[in-house]
Amino acid sequence: MKYTVILEFSQDDGAYLVNVPAFPEVHTYGETVEDATANAREALELAIEMYLDEGRRLPDDPAIVVEIAS
């Protein structure tokens, strides 16, 4: 299953903050895109494992991604 992962650079934190719309409890960050992506993968895997261990249904991905180039 695929889930949308949003990386947003925070000037205040000096890092990429990670948001996963399908799993609101998943929050992480990384100093680089690569670190943030790796941390997101790990956090998402842990969330999925938690859902399955608790017998919960995995959520659908509610995100709609639109890229607009300027």
Protein backbone atom coordinates (compact mmCIF):
# COMPACT_ATOMS: atom_id res chain seq x y z
CA MET A 1 0.00 0.00 0.00
CA LYS A 2 1.22 3.51 -0.73
CA TYR A 3 0.82 6.50 1.55
CA THR A 4 1.43 10.16 0.88
CA VAL A 5 4.29 11.61 2.91
CA ILE A 6 4.66 15.38 3.05
CA LEU A 7 8.04 16.98 3.74
CA GLU A 8 8.08 20.67 4.60
CA PHE A 9 11.23 22.61 5.38
CA SER A 10 10.97 24.59 8.63
CA GLN A 11 13.23 27.64 8.87
CA ASP A 12 12.60 27.73 12.62
CA ASP A 13 13.76 24.16 13.13
CA GLY A 14 16.30 24.01 10.29
CA ALA A 15 14.90 20.62 9.31
CA TYR A 16 12.36 18.90 7.09
CA LEU A 17 9.20 18.14 9.04
CA VAL A 18 7.26 15.03 8.05
CA ASN A 19 3.48 14.64 7.94
CA VAL A 20 1.55 11.52 6.85
CA PRO A 21 -2.12 12.49 6.31
CA ALA A 22 -3.38 8.91 6.63
CA PHE A 23 -1.62 8.49 9.99
CA PRO A 24 -2.01 11.71 12.00
CA GLU A 25 0.01 10.18 14.84
CA VAL A 26 3.12 9.89 12.65
CA HIS A 27 5.45 12.86 13.09
CA THR A 28 9.17 12.94 12.47
CA TYR A 29 11.83 15.08 10.83
CA GLY A 30 15.26 15.04 9.23
CA GLU A 31 18.02 17.52 8.56
CA THR A 32 18.08 16.49 4.89
CA VAL A 33 15.42 15.18 2.51
CA GLU A 34 17.12 11.78 2.64
CA ASP A 35 17.10 11.70 6.45
CA ALA A 36 13.48 12.87 6.62
CA THR A 37 12.44 10.23 4.07
CA ALA A 38 14.23 7.44 5.93
CA ASN A 39 12.72 8.55 9.24
CA ALA A 40 9.28 8.76 7.62
CA ARG A 41 9.61 5.20 6.31
CA GLU A 42 10.59 3.93 9.77
CA ALA A 43 7.81 5.83 11.55
CA LEU A 44 5.24 4.66 9.01
CA GLU A 45 6.37 1.04 9.33
CA LEU A 46 6.01 1.28 13.11
CA ALA A 47 2.53 2.82 12.81
CA ILE A 48 1.41 0.08 10.42
CA GLU A 49 2.80 -2.58 12.76
CA MET A 50 0.94 -0.97 15.69
CA TYR A 51 -2.34 -0.91 13.75
CA LEU A 52 -1.98 -4.57 12.76
CA ASP A 53 -1.00 -5.65 16.30
CA GLU A 54 -4.10 -3.88 17.64
CA GLY A 55 -6.32 -5.46 14.97
CA ARG A 56 -7.13 -2.06 13.49
CA ARG A 57 -7.89 -1.56 9.82
CA LEU A 58 -5.18 0.32 7.93
CA PRO A 59 -6.44 3.72 6.81
CA ASP A 60 -6.89 4.76 3.23
CA ASP A 61 -4.71 7.62 2.00
CA PRO A 62 -6.96 10.70 2.00
CA ALA A 63 -4.40 12.98 0.36
CA ILE A 64 -4.76 14.45 -3.07
CA VAL A 65 -1.44 15.60 -4.44
CA VAL A 66 -1.34 18.35 -7.02
CA GLU A 67 1.93 19.74 -8.32
CA ILE A 68 1.89 23.24 -9.68
CA ALA A 69 5.01 24.53 -11.37
CA SER A 70 5.64 28.24 -11.67
